[in-house]
Amino acid sequence: MRSSLIGKIEKAKRYAQEPGRVTFSGLTAVFHGENDDHKLSYANGKWHCACHFFSQWGTCSHIMALQQILGNMLPKEALASPIETETQTLEK
């Protein structure tokens, strides 16, 4: 029985070295900002943050930081900011 567990622990260590195996399809988090805590979420292909800046711009430093932290573990559409997407649409 212990050998089975040891094998799983070794496998988990190998997996942990390959973060590209994981892709988030949705998440919620609390970001501890300089002035306040902010609830973030990513669901159905859209980000949301409870901060004031997000309500005006559709993105914020909290989301951008989380995008950098999670990097390739997020789907490609979760890495694009609404500002970049809008700019690309206008260029077409």
C-alpha atoms as a PDB file:
ATOM      1  CA  MET A   1       0.000   0.000   0.000  1.00  0.00           C
ATOM      2  CA  ARG A   2       2.773   2.468   0.869  1.00  0.00           C
ATOM      3  CA  SER A   3       4.475   1.824  -2.478  1.00  0.00           C
ATOM      4  CA  SER A   4       1.286   2.953  -4.251  1.00  0.00           C
ATOM      5  CA  LEU A   5       1.254   6.179  -2.257  1.00  0.00           C
ATOM      6  CA  ILE A   6       4.958   6.775  -2.857  1.00  0.00           C
ATOM      7  CA  GLY A   7       4.374   6.312  -6.600  1.00  0.00           C
ATOM      8  CA  LYS A   8       1.567   8.899  -6.518  1.00  0.00           C
ATOM      9  CA  ILE A   9       3.735  11.384  -4.607  1.00  0.00           C
ATOM     10  CA  GLU A  10       6.518  10.978  -7.179  1.00  0.00           C
ATOM     11  CA  LYS A  11       4.029  11.432 -10.017  1.00  0.00           C
ATOM     12  CA  ALA A  12       2.659  14.586  -8.355  1.00  0.00           C
ATOM     13  CA  LYS A  13       6.180  16.012  -8.131  1.00  0.00           C
ATOM     14  CA  ARG A  14       6.706  15.391 -11.873  1.00  0.00           C
ATOM     15  CA  TYR A  15       3.341  16.990 -12.673  1.00  0.00           C
ATOM     16  CA  ALA A  16       4.182  20.019 -10.538  1.00  0.00           C
ATOM     17  CA  GLN A  17       7.192  20.654 -12.791  1.00  0.00           C
ATOM     18  CA  GLU A  18       4.857  20.870 -15.803  1.00  0.00           C
ATOM     19  CA  PRO A  19       2.364  23.691 -15.092  1.00  0.00           C
ATOM     20  CA  GLY A  20       1.249  23.569 -18.736  1.00  0.00           C
ATOM     21  CA  ARG A  21      -0.783  20.482 -17.804  1.00  0.00           C
ATOM     22  CA  VAL A  22      -3.255  22.732 -15.975  1.00  0.00           C
ATOM     23  CA  THR A  23      -5.696  25.155 -17.594  1.00  0.00           C
ATOM     24  CA  PHE A  24      -8.174  27.062 -15.460  1.00  0.00           C
ATOM     25  CA  SER A  25     -11.672  27.310 -16.890  1.00  0.00           C
ATOM     26  CA  GLY A  26     -12.953  29.381 -13.975  1.00  0.00           C
ATOM     27  CA  LEU A  27     -11.775  30.683 -10.626  1.00  0.00           C
ATOM     28  CA  THR A  28     -12.480  33.053  -7.783  1.00  0.00           C
ATOM     29  CA  ALA A  29      -9.912  34.728  -5.583  1.00  0.00           C
ATOM     30  CA  VAL A  30      -9.445  37.556  -3.133  1.00  0.00           C
ATOM     31  CA  PHE A  31      -6.633  39.943  -4.032  1.00  0.00           C
ATOM     32  CA  HIS A  32      -5.132  41.837  -1.109  1.00  0.00           C
ATOM     33  CA  GLY A  33      -4.455  45.263  -2.643  1.00  0.00           C
ATOM     34  CA  GLU A  34      -2.676  48.201  -1.072  1.00  0.00           C
ATOM     35  CA  ASN A  35      -5.912  49.857   0.054  1.00  0.00           C
ATOM     36  CA  ASP A  36      -8.460  47.053   0.237  1.00  0.00           C
ATOM     37  CA  ASP A  37      -9.258  43.426  -0.565  1.00  0.00           C
ATOM     38  CA  HIS A  38     -10.886  42.804  -3.942  1.00  0.00           C
ATOM     39  CA  LYS A  39     -12.883  39.780  -5.053  1.00  0.00           C
ATOM     40  CA  LEU A  40     -11.850  38.591  -8.530  1.00  0.00           C
ATOM     41  CA  SER A  41     -13.456  35.985 -10.722  1.00  0.00           C
ATOM     42  CA  TYR A  42     -13.031  34.425 -14.136  1.00  0.00           C
ATOM     43  CA  ALA A  43     -16.032  32.550 -15.535  1.00  0.00           C
ATOM     44  CA  ASN A  44     -17.600  31.992 -18.935  1.00  0.00           C
ATOM     45  CA  GLY A  45     -14.623  33.653 -20.628  1.00  0.00           C
ATOM     46  CA  LYS A  46     -14.906  36.916 -18.672  1.00  0.00           C
ATOM     47  CA  TRP A  47     -13.023  38.536 -15.831  1.00  0.00           C
ATOM     48  CA  HIS A  48     -14.615  40.525 -13.042  1.00  0.00           C
ATOM     49  CA  CYS A  49     -13.113  42.499 -10.175  1.00  0.00           C
ATOM     50  CA  ALA A  50     -14.986  44.344  -7.453  1.00  0.00           C
ATOM     51  CA  CYS A  51     -12.642  47.353  -7.596  1.00  0.00           C
ATOM     52  CA  HIS A  52     -13.751  50.744  -8.889  1.00  0.00           C
ATOM     53  CA  PHE A  53     -11.200  50.873 -11.734  1.00  0.00           C
ATOM     54  CA  PHE A  54     -12.520  47.628 -13.239  1.00  0.00           C
ATOM     55  CA  SER A  55     -16.057  49.020 -13.403  1.00  0.00           C
ATOM     56  CA  GLN A  56     -14.802  51.817 -15.659  1.00  0.00           C
ATOM     57  CA  TRP A  57     -12.149  50.045 -17.760  1.00  0.00           C
ATOM     58  CA  GLY A  58     -13.071  46.361 -17.790  1.00  0.00           C
ATOM     59  CA  THR A  59      -9.618  45.472 -16.444  1.00  0.00           C
ATOM     60  CA  CYS A  60      -7.450  46.439 -13.486  1.00  0.00           C
ATOM     61  CA  SER A  61      -4.073  45.906 -11.851  1.00  0.00           C
ATOM     62  CA  HIS A  62      -5.466  43.041  -9.753  1.00  0.00           C
ATOM     63  CA  ILE A  63      -6.522  41.045 -12.818  1.00  0.00           C
ATOM     64  CA  MET A  64      -3.337  41.914 -14.719  1.00  0.00           C
ATOM     65  CA  ALA A  65      -1.236  40.700 -11.761  1.00  0.00           C
ATOM     66  CA  LEU A  66      -3.183  37.439 -11.556  1.00  0.00           C
ATOM     67  CA  GLN A  67      -2.769  36.942 -15.308  1.00  0.00           C
ATOM     68  CA  GLN A  68       0.985  37.257 -14.830  1.00  0.00           C
ATOM     69  CA  ILE A  69       1.022  34.943 -11.816  1.00  0.00           C
ATOM     70  CA  LEU A  70      -0.984  32.191 -13.521  1.00  0.00           C
ATOM     71  CA  GLY A  71       0.443  32.759 -17.012  1.00  0.00           C
ATOM     72  CA  ASN A  72       0.080  29.763 -19.295  1.00  0.00           C
ATOM     73  CA  MET A  73      -2.290  28.019 -16.909  1.00  0.00           C
ATOM     74  CA  LEU A  74      -5.025  30.370 -18.122  1.00  0.00           C
ATOM     75  CA  PRO A  75      -6.774  29.901 -21.456  1.00  0.00           C
ATOM     76  CA  LYS A  76      -5.502  32.301 -24.146  1.00  0.00           C
ATOM     77  CA  GLU A  77      -8.678  34.392 -24.034  1.00  0.00           C
ATOM     78  CA  ALA A  78      -8.176  34.937 -20.286  1.00  0.00           C
ATOM     79  CA  LEU A  79      -4.785  36.520 -20.955  1.00  0.00           C
ATOM     80  CA  ALA A  80      -6.102  39.176 -23.342  1.00  0.00           C
ATOM     81  CA  SER A  81      -7.227  42.470 -21.854  1.00  0.00           C
ATOM     82  CA  PRO A  82     -10.440  44.134 -23.093  1.00  0.00           C
ATOM     83  CA  ILE A  83      -8.337  47.103 -24.241  1.00  0.00           C
ATOM     84  CA  GLU A  84      -6.142  44.881 -26.454  1.00  0.00           C
ATOM     85  CA  THR A  85      -9.186  43.068 -27.848  1.00  0.00           C
ATOM     86  CA  GLU A  86     -10.932  46.358 -28.678  1.00  0.00           C
ATOM     87  CA  THR A  87      -7.806  47.704 -30.379  1.00  0.00           C
ATOM     88  CA  GLN A  88      -7.450  44.557 -32.499  1.00  0.00           C
ATOM     89  CA  THR A  89     -11.112  44.785 -33.543  1.00  0.00           C
ATOM     90  CA  LEU A  90     -10.733  48.439 -34.587  1.00  0.00           C
ATOM     91  CA  GLU A  91      -7.628  47.621 -36.647  1.00  0.00           C
ATOM     92  CA  LYS A  92      -9.522  45.090 -38.795  1.00  0.00           C
END
